[in-house]
Structure formats: C-alpha cells, structure tokens
Amino acid sequence: MAPTTHLTGRRVLDQHGEQIGTITDVLSDDRTLEPRWAVVSYGIFNHHRRLVPVSRLYTAARDDERAAPVVSTIDKDIVRHAPKHAGGPLTREVDRLLGDYYGVAA
C-alpha cells in the first residue's frame, strides 16, 4: 500500500482496470491515528463521495511516482453502491456501517 501522504490526488482503479474515482482525502482512526478510509470522489465535478478501506488499496509504484493509479481489491460497482459520505468527521456508527458493508474490522 502507498503511504497515505501519497494517496490524495491519485486515481483509483478496481482489479479489472475500471476507474472508480480519485482519492480526495484520507480519514484516520481517531484513537490510533492509523489511516482507515480513503475518500474516493467521482462523477461530474467529483460530487459523489464513497469511502474505501485503505487496507484494500495497493500500488506497485514507488513513492515518487505520484501519478500512478492505486488499485482497489473492491469492484467499482461495490464501491459506488457503498453508503454515502457527506464529508466531515467519521462517526463510530458510520465506521461500523462501512466496516460491515466492506467486511473489514471496525
């Protein structure tokens, strides 16, 4: 996985090469400060936002190759049908909901 400081601005593709969107932010666990969710924006003017677990994002690119896309192990359609994220801080309830949806520990 790429360090989170190098995730923002990168395109996200699913494992089939389908473009999901662009990472516009990374949200961290408020207790551990570990990066937890990447905010992936898509659509005209990137007005749709979905959260993707950082643990399910990978890149083979070196840190200095910021233009290289990030690959998600989650299909595009699954991401795009995930619970919406309106922005702002992530609540425990939303974190649990997303964890259940993606099958990752909350």
PDB file of N, CA and C in Angstrom:
ATOM      1  N   MET A   1       0.840  -1.175   0.000  1.00  0.00           N
ATOM      2  CA  MET A   1       0.000   0.000   0.000  1.00  0.00           C
ATOM      3  C   MET A   1       0.885   1.238   0.000  1.00  0.00           C
ATOM      4  N   ALA A   2       0.434   2.279  -0.626  1.00  0.00           N
ATOM      5  CA  ALA A   2       1.172   3.532  -0.665  1.00  0.00           C
ATOM      6  C   ALA A   2       0.992   4.278   0.644  1.00  0.00           C
ATOM      7  N   PRO A   3       2.016   5.005   1.099  1.00  0.00           N
ATOM      8  CA  PRO A   3       1.833   5.844   2.288  1.00  0.00           C
ATOM      9  C   PRO A   3       0.696   6.827   2.041  1.00  0.00           C
ATOM     10  N   THR A   4      -0.067   7.131   3.073  1.00  0.00           N
ATOM     11  CA  THR A   4      -1.266   7.958   2.893  1.00  0.00           C
ATOM     12  C   THR A   4      -0.954   9.356   2.390  1.00  0.00           C
ATOM     13  N   THR A   5       0.218   9.876   2.693  1.00  0.00           N
ATOM     14  CA  THR A   5       0.553  11.209   2.205  1.00  0.00           C
ATOM     15  C   THR A   5       0.651  11.222   0.686  1.00  0.00           C
ATOM     16  N   HIS A   6       0.791  10.053   0.088  1.00  0.00           N
ATOM     17  CA  HIS A   6       0.913   9.968  -1.362  1.00  0.00           C
ATOM     18  C   HIS A   6      -0.341   9.424  -2.030  1.00  0.00           C
ATOM     19  N   LEU A   7      -1.429   9.305  -1.286  1.00  0.00           N
ATOM     20  CA  LEU A   7      -2.661   8.780  -1.869  1.00  0.00           C
ATOM     21  C   LEU A   7      -3.543   9.866  -2.466  1.00  0.00           C
ATOM     22  N   THR A   8      -3.620  11.016  -1.830  1.00  0.00           N
ATOM     23  CA  THR A   8      -4.528  12.047  -2.325  1.00  0.00           C
ATOM     24  C   THR A   8      -4.127  12.484  -3.730  1.00  0.00           C
ATOM     25  N   GLY A   9      -5.157  12.626  -4.558  1.00  0.00           N
ATOM     26  CA  GLY A   9      -4.943  13.033  -5.938  1.00  0.00           C
ATOM     27  C   GLY A   9      -4.765  11.874  -6.897  1.00  0.00           C
ATOM     28  N   ARG A  10      -4.596  10.678  -6.381  1.00  0.00           N
ATOM     29  CA  ARG A  10      -4.399   9.521  -7.264  1.00  0.00           C
ATOM     30  C   ARG A  10      -5.726   8.943  -7.726  1.00  0.00           C
ATOM     31  N   ARG A  11      -5.736   8.459  -8.971  1.00  0.00           N
ATOM     32  CA  ARG A  11      -6.889   7.745  -9.500  1.00  0.00           C
ATOM     33  C   ARG A  11      -6.956   6.375  -8.844  1.00  0.00           C
ATOM     34  N   VAL A  12      -8.176   5.862  -8.683  1.00  0.00           N
ATOM     35  CA  VAL A  12      -8.384   4.528  -8.124  1.00  0.00           C
ATOM     36  C   VAL A  12      -9.034   3.657  -9.192  1.00  0.00           C
ATOM     37  N   LEU A  13      -8.416   2.512  -9.445  1.00  0.00           N
ATOM     38  CA  LEU A  13      -8.948   1.525 -10.374  1.00  0.00           C
ATOM     39  C   LEU A  13      -9.321   0.283  -9.591  1.00  0.00           C
ATOM     40  N   ASP A  14     -10.320  -0.468 -10.094  1.00  0.00           N
ATOM     41  CA  ASP A  14     -10.571  -1.761  -9.467  1.00  0.00           C
ATOM     42  C   ASP A  14      -9.638  -2.789 -10.103  1.00  0.00           C
ATOM     43  N   GLN A  15      -9.688  -4.021  -9.630  1.00  0.00           N
ATOM     44  CA  GLN A  15      -8.746  -5.037 -10.102  1.00  0.00           C
ATOM     45  C   GLN A  15      -8.958  -5.407 -11.570  1.00  0.00           C
ATOM     46  N   HIS A  16     -10.055  -4.952 -12.179  1.00  0.00           N
ATOM     47  CA  HIS A  16     -10.322  -5.203 -13.594  1.00  0.00           C
ATOM     48  C   HIS A  16      -9.907  -4.015 -14.462  1.00  0.00           C
ATOM     49  N   GLY A  17      -9.337  -2.983 -13.837  1.00  0.00           N
ATOM     50  CA  GLY A  17      -8.901  -1.806 -14.575  1.00  0.00           C
ATOM     51  C   GLY A  17      -9.967  -0.750 -14.761  1.00  0.00           C
ATOM     52  N   GLU A  18     -11.143  -0.953 -14.167  1.00  0.00           N
ATOM     53  CA  GLU A  18     -12.221   0.033 -14.253  1.00  0.00           C
ATOM     54  C   GLU A  18     -11.936   1.194 -13.301  1.00  0.00           C
ATOM     55  N   GLN A  19     -12.041   2.422 -13.801  1.00  0.00           N
ATOM     56  CA  GLN A  19     -11.800   3.574 -12.944  1.00  0.00           C
ATOM     57  C   GLN A  19     -12.950   3.766 -11.970  1.00  0.00           C
ATOM     58  N   ILE A  20     -12.610   3.886 -10.680  1.00  0.00           N
ATOM     59  CA  ILE A  20     -13.611   4.130  -9.639  1.00  0.00           C
ATOM     60  C   ILE A  20     -13.737   5.616  -9.381  1.00  0.00           C
ATOM     61  N   GLY A  21     -12.628   6.311  -9.262  1.00  0.00           N
ATOM     62  CA  GLY A  21     -12.639   7.738  -8.968  1.00  0.00           C
ATOM     63  C   GLY A  21     -11.257   8.214  -8.577  1.00  0.00           C
ATOM     64  N   THR A  22     -11.217   9.313  -7.817  1.00  0.00           N
ATOM     65  CA  THR A  22      -9.966   9.918  -7.373  1.00  0.00           C
ATOM     66  C   THR A  22      -9.988  10.082  -5.862  1.00  0.00           C
ATOM     67  N   ILE A  23      -8.873   9.789  -5.224  1.00  0.00           N
ATOM     68  CA  ILE A  23      -8.775   9.951  -3.767  1.00  0.00           C
ATOM     69  C   ILE A  23      -8.624  11.435  -3.456  1.00  0.00           C
ATOM     70  N   THR A  24      -9.572  11.961  -2.670  1.00  0.00           N
ATOM     71  CA  THR A  24      -9.539  13.379  -2.317  1.00  0.00           C
ATOM     72  C   THR A  24      -9.149  13.614  -0.864  1.00  0.00           C
ATOM     73  N   ASP A  25      -9.170  12.558  -0.048  1.00  0.00           N
ATOM     74  CA  ASP A  25      -8.813  12.705   1.363  1.00  0.00           C
ATOM     75  C   ASP A  25      -8.596  11.316   1.954  1.00  0.00           C
ATOM     76  N   VAL A  26      -7.935  11.275   3.099  1.00  0.00           N
ATOM     77  CA  VAL A  26      -7.750  10.034   3.847  1.00  0.00           C
ATOM     78  C   VAL A  26      -8.193  10.301   5.276  1.00  0.00           C
ATOM     79  N   LEU A  27      -9.082   9.452   5.794  1.00  0.00           N
ATOM     80  CA  LEU A  27      -9.582   9.595   7.161  1.00  0.00           C
ATOM     81  C   LEU A  27      -8.904   8.561   8.057  1.00  0.00           C
ATOM     82  N   SER A  28      -8.446   9.008   9.208  1.00  0.00           N
ATOM     83  CA  SER A  28      -7.737   8.138  10.142  1.00  0.00           C
ATOM     84  C   SER A  28      -8.603   7.796  11.334  1.00  0.00           C
ATOM     85  N   ASP A  29      -8.284   6.678  11.968  1.00  0.00           N
ATOM     86  CA  ASP A  29      -8.933   6.272  13.211  1.00  0.00           C
ATOM     87  C   ASP A  29      -8.587   7.314  14.269  1.00  0.00           C
ATOM     88  N   ASP A  30      -9.587   7.842  14.958  1.00  0.00           N
ATOM     89  CA  ASP A  30      -9.321   8.922  15.924  1.00  0.00           C
ATOM     90  C   ASP A  30      -8.597   8.427  17.169  1.00  0.00           C
ATOM     91  N   ARG A  31      -8.581   7.131  17.416  1.00  0.00           N
ATOM     92  CA  ARG A  31      -7.848   6.595  18.579  1.00  0.00           C
ATOM     93  C   ARG A  31      -6.414   6.254  18.244  1.00  0.00           C
ATOM     94  N   THR A  32      -6.209   5.568  17.133  1.00  0.00           N
ATOM     95  CA  THR A  32      -4.865   5.086  16.786  1.00  0.00           C
ATOM     96  C   THR A  32      -4.142   5.987  15.788  1.00  0.00           C
ATOM     97  N   LEU A  33      -4.885   6.861  15.145  1.00  0.00           N
ATOM     98  CA  LEU A  33      -4.375   7.751  14.095  1.00  0.00           C
ATOM     99  C   LEU A  33      -3.899   6.993  12.856  1.00  0.00           C
ATOM    100  N   GLU A  34      -4.221   5.716  12.778  1.00  0.00           N
ATOM    101  CA  GLU A  34      -3.891   4.921  11.597  1.00  0.00           C
ATOM    102  C   GLU A  34      -4.856   5.286  10.468  1.00  0.00           C
ATOM    103  N   PRO A  35      -4.361   5.409   9.236  1.00  0.00           N
ATOM    104  CA  PRO A  35      -5.252   5.682   8.105  1.00  0.00           C
ATOM    105  C   PRO A  35      -6.251   4.546   7.950  1.00  0.00           C
ATOM    106  N   ARG A  36      -7.514   4.891   7.824  1.00  0.00           N
ATOM    107  CA  ARG A  36      -8.558   3.864   7.783  1.00  0.00           C
ATOM    108  C   ARG A  36      -9.347   3.879   6.478  1.00  0.00           C
ATOM    109  N   TRP A  37      -9.771   5.058   6.042  1.00  0.00           N
ATOM    110  CA  TRP A  37     -10.640   5.173   4.873  1.00  0.00           C
ATOM    111  C   TRP A  37     -10.090   6.205   3.888  1.00  0.00           C
ATOM    112  N   ALA A  38     -10.137   5.862   2.614  1.00  0.00           N
ATOM    113  CA  ALA A  38      -9.811   6.822   1.559  1.00  0.00           C
ATOM    114  C   ALA A  38     -11.135   7.360   1.030  1.00  0.00           C
ATOM    115  N   VAL A  39     -11.238   8.666   0.926  1.00  0.00           N
ATOM    116  CA  VAL A  39     -12.426   9.288   0.331  1.00  0.00           C
ATOM    117  C   VAL A  39     -12.199   9.293  -1.180  1.00  0.00           C
ATOM    118  N   VAL A  40     -13.051   8.548  -1.894  1.00  0.00           N
ATOM    119  CA  VAL A  40     -12.943   8.445  -3.348  1.00  0.00           C
ATOM    120  C   VAL A  40     -14.100   9.232  -3.949  1.00  0.00           C
ATOM    121  N   SER A  41     -13.744  10.236  -4.728  1.00  0.00           N
ATOM    122  CA  SER A  41     -14.747  11.090  -5.370  1.00  0.00           C
ATOM    123  C   SER A  41     -14.841  10.736  -6.849  1.00  0.00           C
ATOM    124  N   TYR A  42     -16.052  10.828  -7.385  1.00  0.00           N
ATOM    125  CA  TYR A  42     -16.264  10.525  -8.801  1.00  0.00           C
ATOM    126  C   TYR A  42     -17.478  11.287  -9.301  1.00  0.00           C
ATOM    127  N   GLY A  43     -17.685  11.211 -10.604  1.00  0.00           N
ATOM    128  CA  GLY A  43     -18.801  11.907 -11.234  1.00  0.00           C
ATOM    129  C   GLY A  43     -18.382  13.282 -11.709  1.00  0.00           C
ATOM    130  N   ILE A  44     -19.311  13.954 -12.365  1.00  0.00           N
ATOM    131  CA  ILE A  44     -19.033  15.311 -12.837  1.00  0.00           C
ATOM    132  C   ILE A  44     -18.722  16.180 -11.626  1.00  0.00           C
ATOM    133  N   PHE A  45     -17.622  16.868 -11.679  1.00  0.00           N
ATOM    134  CA  PHE A  45     -17.144  17.735 -10.593  1.00  0.00           C
ATOM    135  C   PHE A  45     -16.841  16.958  -9.312  1.00  0.00           C
ATOM    136  N   ASN A  46     -16.679  15.630  -9.415  1.00  0.00           N
ATOM    137  CA  ASN A  46     -16.348  14.791  -8.245  1.00  0.00           C
ATOM    138  C   ASN A  46     -17.305  15.006  -7.080  1.00  0.00           C
ATOM    139  N   HIS A  47     -18.586  15.159  -7.352  1.00  0.00           N
ATOM    140  CA  HIS A  47     -19.529  15.448  -6.268  1.00  0.00           C
ATOM    141  C   HIS A  47     -20.024  14.198  -5.543  1.00  0.00           C
ATOM    142  N   HIS A  48     -19.769  13.009  -6.071  1.00  0.00           N
ATOM    143  CA  HIS A  48     -20.120  11.774  -5.361  1.00  0.00           C
ATOM    144  C   HIS A  48     -18.906  11.343  -4.542  1.00  0.00           C
ATOM    145  N   ARG A  49     -19.133  10.944  -3.303  1.00  0.00           N
ATOM    146  CA  ARG A  49     -18.035  10.512  -2.433  1.00  0.00           C
ATOM    147  C   ARG A  49     -18.384   9.183  -1.786  1.00  0.00           C
ATOM    148  N   ARG A  50     -17.432   8.264  -1.836  1.00  0.00           N
ATOM    149  CA  ARG A  50     -17.571   6.993  -1.144  1.00  0.00           C
ATOM    150  C   ARG A  50     -16.263   6.726  -0.403  1.00  0.00           C
ATOM    151  N   LEU A  51     -16.358   6.013   0.686  1.00  0.00           N
ATOM    152  CA  LEU A  51     -15.170   5.656   1.440  1.00  0.00           C
ATOM    153  C   LEU A  51     -14.758   4.236   1.085  1.00  0.00           C
ATOM    154  N   VAL A  52     -13.462   4.045   0.929  1.00  0.00           N
ATOM    155  CA  VAL A  52     -12.884   2.742   0.615  1.00  0.00           C
ATOM    156  C   VAL A  52     -11.844   2.441   1.691  1.00  0.00           C
ATOM    157  N   PRO A  53     -11.824   1.211   2.214  1.00  0.00           N
ATOM    158  CA  PRO A  53     -10.819   0.887   3.230  1.00  0.00           C
ATOM    159  C   PRO A  53      -9.403   1.026   2.663  1.00  0.00           C
ATOM    160  N   VAL A  54      -8.565   1.761   3.363  1.00  0.00           N
ATOM    161  CA  VAL A  54      -7.173   1.928   2.938  1.00  0.00           C
ATOM    162  C   VAL A  54      -6.492   0.560   2.857  1.00  0.00           C
ATOM    163  N   SER A  55      -6.905  -0.352   3.710  1.00  0.00           N
ATOM    164  CA  SER A  55      -6.299  -1.690   3.722  1.00  0.00           C
ATOM    165  C   SER A  55      -6.571  -2.468   2.438  1.00  0.00           C
ATOM    166  N   ARG A  56      -7.488  -2.000   1.609  1.00  0.00           N
ATOM    167  CA  ARG A  56      -7.831  -2.681   0.363  1.00  0.00           C
ATOM    168  C   ARG A  56      -7.324  -1.914  -0.866  1.00  0.00           C
ATOM    169  N   LEU A  57      -6.348  -1.010  -0.651  1.00  0.00           N
ATOM    170  CA  LEU A  57      -5.745  -0.236  -1.738  1.00  0.00           C
ATOM    171  C   LEU A  57      -4.278  -0.614  -1.880  1.00  0.00           C
ATOM    172  N   TYR A  58      -3.837  -0.770  -3.132  1.00  0.00           N
ATOM    173  CA  TYR A  58      -2.466  -1.194  -3.392  1.00  0.00           C
ATOM    174  C   TYR A  58      -1.886  -0.437  -4.575  1.00  0.00           C
ATOM    175  N   THR A  59      -0.572  -0.320  -4.564  1.00  0.00           N
ATOM    176  CA  THR A  59       0.131   0.233  -5.705  1.00  0.00           C
ATOM    177  C   THR A  59       1.515  -0.379  -5.760  1.00  0.00           C
ATOM    178  N   ALA A  60       1.984  -0.604  -6.966  1.00  0.00           N
ATOM    179  CA  ALA A  60       3.329  -1.133  -7.147  1.00  0.00           C
ATOM    180  C   ALA A  60       4.297   0.013  -7.422  1.00  0.00           C
ATOM    181  N   ALA A  61       3.759   1.219  -7.491  1.00  0.00           N
ATOM    182  CA  ALA A  61       4.579   2.384  -7.824  1.00  0.00           C
ATOM    183  C   ALA A  61       5.434   2.806  -6.635  1.00  0.00           C
ATOM    184  N   ARG A  62       6.570   3.387  -6.964  1.00  0.00           N
ATOM    185  CA  ARG A  62       7.410   3.971  -5.921  1.00  0.00           C
ATOM    186  C   ARG A  62       6.752   5.246  -5.420  1.00  0.00           C
ATOM    187  N   ASP A  63       7.145   5.678  -4.223  1.00  0.00           N
ATOM    188  CA  ASP A  63       6.551   6.865  -3.616  1.00  0.00           C
ATOM    189  C   ASP A  63       6.661   8.105  -4.499  1.00  0.00           C
ATOM    190  N   ASP A  64       7.710   8.193  -5.322  1.00  0.00           N
ATOM    191  CA  ASP A  64       7.889   9.386  -6.141  1.00  0.00           C
ATOM    192  C   ASP A  64       7.065   9.337  -7.430  1.00  0.00           C
ATOM    193  N   GLU A  65       6.347   8.263  -7.655  1.00  0.00           N
ATOM    194  CA  GLU A  65       5.502   8.138  -8.838  1.00  0.00           C
ATOM    195  C   GLU A  65       4.053   8.460  -8.476  1.00  0.00           C
ATOM    196  N   ARG A  66       3.816   9.695  -8.114  1.00  0.00           N
ATOM    197  CA  ARG A  66       2.509  10.112  -7.608  1.00  0.00           C
ATOM    198  C   ARG A  66       1.390  10.016  -8.643  1.00  0.00           C
ATOM    199  N   ALA A  67       1.744   9.954  -9.907  1.00  0.00           N
ATOM    200  CA  ALA A  67       0.713   9.885 -10.942  1.00  0.00           C
ATOM    201  C   ALA A  67       0.201   8.460 -11.144  1.00  0.00           C
ATOM    202  N   ALA A  68       0.879   7.477 -10.587  1.00  0.00           N
ATOM    203  CA  ALA A  68       0.465   6.082 -10.779  1.00  0.00           C
ATOM    204  C   ALA A  68      -0.864   5.835 -10.069  1.00  0.00           C
ATOM    205  N   PRO A  69      -1.775   5.114 -10.711  1.00  0.00           N
ATOM    206  CA  PRO A  69      -3.058   4.836 -10.061  1.00  0.00           C
ATOM    207  C   PRO A  69      -2.905   3.855  -8.904  1.00  0.00           C
ATOM    208  N   VAL A  70      -3.885   3.888  -8.029  1.00  0.00           N
ATOM    209  CA  VAL A  70      -3.985   2.961  -6.914  1.00  0.00           C
ATOM    210  C   VAL A  70      -5.022   1.924  -7.318  1.00  0.00           C
ATOM    211  N   VAL A  71      -4.783   0.665  -6.960  1.00  0.00           N
ATOM    212  CA  VAL A  71      -5.715  -0.407  -7.300  1.00  0.00           C
ATOM    213  C   VAL A  71      -6.460  -0.840  -6.045  1.00  0.00           C
ATOM    214  N   SER A  72      -7.774  -0.936  -6.162  1.00  0.00           N
ATOM    215  CA  SER A  72      -8.618  -1.415  -5.075  1.00  0.00           C
ATOM    216  C   SER A  72      -8.975  -2.874  -5.339  1.00  0.00           C
ATOM    217  N   THR A  73      -8.970  -3.677  -4.296  1.00  0.00           N
ATOM    218  CA  THR A  73      -9.398  -5.064  -4.439  1.00  0.00           C
ATOM    219  C   THR A  73     -10.920  -5.167  -4.426  1.00  0.00           C
ATOM    220  N   ILE A  74     -11.587  -4.034  -4.342  1.00  0.00           N
ATOM    221  CA  ILE A  74     -13.050  -3.989  -4.309  1.00  0.00           C
ATOM    222  C   ILE A  74     -13.552  -3.506  -5.672  1.00  0.00           C
ATOM    223  N   ASP A  75     -14.519  -4.218  -6.248  1.00  0.00           N
ATOM    224  CA  ASP A  75     -15.066  -3.860  -7.553  1.00  0.00           C
ATOM    225  C   ASP A  75     -15.699  -2.470  -7.542  1.00  0.00           C
ATOM    226  N   LYS A  76     -15.625  -1.828  -8.684  1.00  0.00           N
ATOM    227  CA  LYS A  76     -16.182  -0.492  -8.888  1.00  0.00           C
ATOM    228  C   LYS A  76     -17.641  -0.409  -8.445  1.00  0.00           C
ATOM    229  N   ASP A  77     -18.465  -1.369  -8.862  1.00  0.00           N
ATOM    230  CA  ASP A  77     -19.888  -1.318  -8.521  1.00  0.00           C
ATOM    231  C   ASP A  77     -20.130  -1.420  -7.019  1.00  0.00           C
ATOM    232  N   ILE A  78     -19.329  -2.202  -6.335  1.00  0.00           N
ATOM    233  CA  ILE A  78     -19.467  -2.324  -4.878  1.00  0.00           C
ATOM    234  C   ILE A  78     -19.134  -0.994  -4.210  1.00  0.00           C
ATOM    235  N   VAL A  79     -18.072  -0.346  -4.659  1.00  0.00           N
ATOM    236  CA  VAL A  79     -17.694   0.956  -4.093  1.00  0.00           C
ATOM    237  C   VAL A  79     -18.792   1.982  -4.365  1.00  0.00           C
ATOM    238  N   ARG A  80     -19.261   2.031  -5.564  1.00  0.00           N
ATOM    239  CA  ARG A  80     -20.246   3.053  -5.930  1.00  0.00           C
ATOM    240  C   ARG A  80     -21.609   2.847  -5.278  1.00  0.00           C
ATOM    241  N   HIS A  81     -21.886   1.647  -4.777  1.00  0.00           N
ATOM    242  CA  HIS A  81     -23.133   1.385  -4.057  1.00  0.00           C
ATOM    243  C   HIS A  81     -22.942   1.402  -2.540  1.00  0.00           C
ATOM    244  N   ALA A  82     -21.762   1.755  -2.101  1.00  0.00           N
ATOM    245  CA  ALA A  82     -21.474   1.830  -0.660  1.00  0.00           C
ATOM    246  C   ALA A  82     -22.262   2.974  -0.031  1.00  0.00           C
ATOM    247  N   PRO A  83     -22.444   2.934   1.293  1.00  0.00           N
ATOM    248  CA  PRO A  83     -23.102   4.058   1.969  1.00  0.00           C
ATOM    249  C   PRO A  83     -22.397   5.372   1.624  1.00  0.00           C
ATOM    250  N   LYS A  84     -23.188   6.408   1.429  1.00  0.00           N
ATOM    251  CA  LYS A  84     -22.645   7.717   1.054  1.00  0.00           C
ATOM    252  C   LYS A  84     -21.910   8.360   2.229  1.00  0.00           C
ATOM    253  N   HIS A  85     -20.953   9.221   1.872  1.00  0.00           N
ATOM    254  CA  HIS A  85     -20.241  10.005   2.869  1.00  0.00           C
ATOM    255  C   HIS A  85     -20.413  11.472   2.513  1.00  0.00           C
ATOM    256  N   ALA A  86     -21.055  12.216   3.393  1.00  0.00           N
ATOM    257  CA  ALA A  86     -21.347  13.622   3.120  1.00  0.00           C
ATOM    258  C   ALA A  86     -20.172  14.530   3.432  1.00  0.00           C
ATOM    259  N   GLY A  87     -19.149  13.999   4.049  1.00  0.00           N
ATOM    260  CA  GLY A  87     -17.992  14.799   4.434  1.00  0.00           C
ATOM    261  C   GLY A  87     -17.961  14.981   5.942  1.00  0.00           C
ATOM    262  N   GLY A  88     -16.949  15.635   6.406  1.00  0.00           N
ATOM    263  CA  GLY A  88     -16.812  15.870   7.835  1.00  0.00           C
ATOM    264  C   GLY A  88     -16.234  14.670   8.559  1.00  0.00           C
ATOM    265  N   PRO A  89     -16.216  14.751   9.893  1.00  0.00           N
ATOM    266  CA  PRO A  89     -15.610  13.675  10.680  1.00  0.00           C
ATOM    267  C   PRO A  89     -16.396  12.373  10.560  1.00  0.00           C
ATOM    268  N   LEU A  90     -15.700  11.290  10.724  1.00  0.00           N
ATOM    269  CA  LEU A  90     -16.296   9.965  10.640  1.00  0.00           C
ATOM    270  C   LEU A  90     -16.764   9.536  12.026  1.00  0.00           C
ATOM    271  N   THR A  91     -18.041   9.239  12.154  1.00  0.00           N
ATOM    272  CA  THR A  91     -18.576   8.799  13.443  1.00  0.00           C
ATOM    273  C   THR A  91     -18.340   7.303  13.609  1.00  0.00           C
ATOM    274  N   ARG A  92     -18.397   6.829  14.835  1.00  0.00           N
ATOM    275  CA  ARG A  92     -18.244   5.389  15.116  1.00  0.00           C
ATOM    276  C   ARG A  92     -19.337   4.588  14.404  1.00  0.00           C
ATOM    277  N   GLU A  93     -20.548   5.142  14.377  1.00  0.00           N
ATOM    278  CA  GLU A  93     -21.672   4.457  13.726  1.00  0.00           C
ATOM    279  C   GLU A  93     -21.407   4.265  12.239  1.00  0.00           C
ATOM    280  N   VAL A  94     -20.950   5.314  11.565  1.00  0.00           N
ATOM    281  CA  VAL A  94     -20.655   5.222  10.137  1.00  0.00           C
ATOM    282  C   VAL A  94     -19.468   4.285   9.909  1.00  0.00           C
ATOM    283  N   ASP A  95     -18.476   4.345  10.776  1.00  0.00           N
ATOM    284  CA  ASP A  95     -17.322   3.459  10.667  1.00  0.00           C
ATOM    285  C   ASP A  95     -17.760   1.990  10.743  1.00  0.00           C
ATOM    286  N   ARG A  96     -18.650   1.693  11.676  1.00  0.00           N
ATOM    287  CA  ARG A  96     -19.168   0.321  11.809  1.00  0.00           C
ATOM    288  C   ARG A  96     -19.989  -0.083  10.583  1.00  0.00           C
ATOM    289  N   LEU A  97     -20.843   0.824  10.117  1.00  0.00           N
ATOM    290  CA  LEU A  97     -21.668   0.557   8.942  1.00  0.00           C
ATOM    291  C   LEU A  97     -20.790   0.228   7.731  1.00  0.00           C
ATOM    292  N   LEU A  98     -19.757   1.036   7.500  1.00  0.00           N
ATOM    293  CA  LEU A  98     -18.860   0.808   6.385  1.00  0.00           C
ATOM    294  C   LEU A  98     -18.055  -0.474   6.574  1.00  0.00           C
ATOM    295  N   GLY A  99     -17.607  -0.720   7.806  1.00  0.00           N
ATOM    296  CA  GLY A  99     -16.874  -1.954   8.088  1.00  0.00           C
ATOM    297  C   GLY A  99     -17.705  -3.176   7.782  1.00  0.00           C
ATOM    298  N   ASP A 100     -18.981  -3.139   8.164  1.00  0.00           N
ATOM    299  CA  ASP A 100     -19.890  -4.248   7.864  1.00  0.00           C
ATOM    300  C   ASP A 100     -20.103  -4.387   6.356  1.00  0.00           C
ATOM    301  N   TYR A 101     -20.279  -3.266   5.673  1.00  0.00           N
ATOM    302  CA  TYR A 101     -20.535  -3.290   4.236  1.00  0.00           C
ATOM    303  C   TYR A 101     -19.361  -3.925   3.482  1.00  0.00           C
ATOM    304  N   TYR A 102     -18.141  -3.510   3.825  1.00  0.00           N
ATOM    305  CA  TYR A 102     -16.954  -3.997   3.126  1.00  0.00           C
ATOM    306  C   TYR A 102     -16.368  -5.278   3.730  1.00  0.00           C
ATOM    307  N   GLY A 103     -16.859  -5.671   4.914  1.00  0.00           N
ATOM    308  CA  GLY A 103     -16.329  -6.866   5.542  1.00  0.00           C
ATOM    309  C   GLY A 103     -14.956  -6.658   6.141  1.00  0.00           C
ATOM    310  N   VAL A 104     -14.708  -5.461   6.686  1.00  0.00           N
ATOM    311  CA  VAL A 104     -13.442  -5.172   7.361  1.00  0.00           C
ATOM    312  C   VAL A 104     -13.736  -4.843   8.819  1.00  0.00           C
ATOM    313  N   ALA A 105     -12.793  -5.108   9.691  1.00  0.00           N
ATOM    314  CA  ALA A 105     -12.983  -4.851  11.116  1.00  0.00           C
ATOM    315  C   ALA A 105     -13.140  -3.365  11.376  1.00  0.00           C
ATOM    316  N   ALA A 106     -14.058  -3.049  12.271  1.00  0.00           N
ATOM    317  CA  ALA A 106     -14.292  -1.643  12.637  1.00  0.00           C
ATOM    318  C   ALA A 106     -13.325  -1.181  13.688  1.00  0.00           C
TER     319      ALA A 106
END
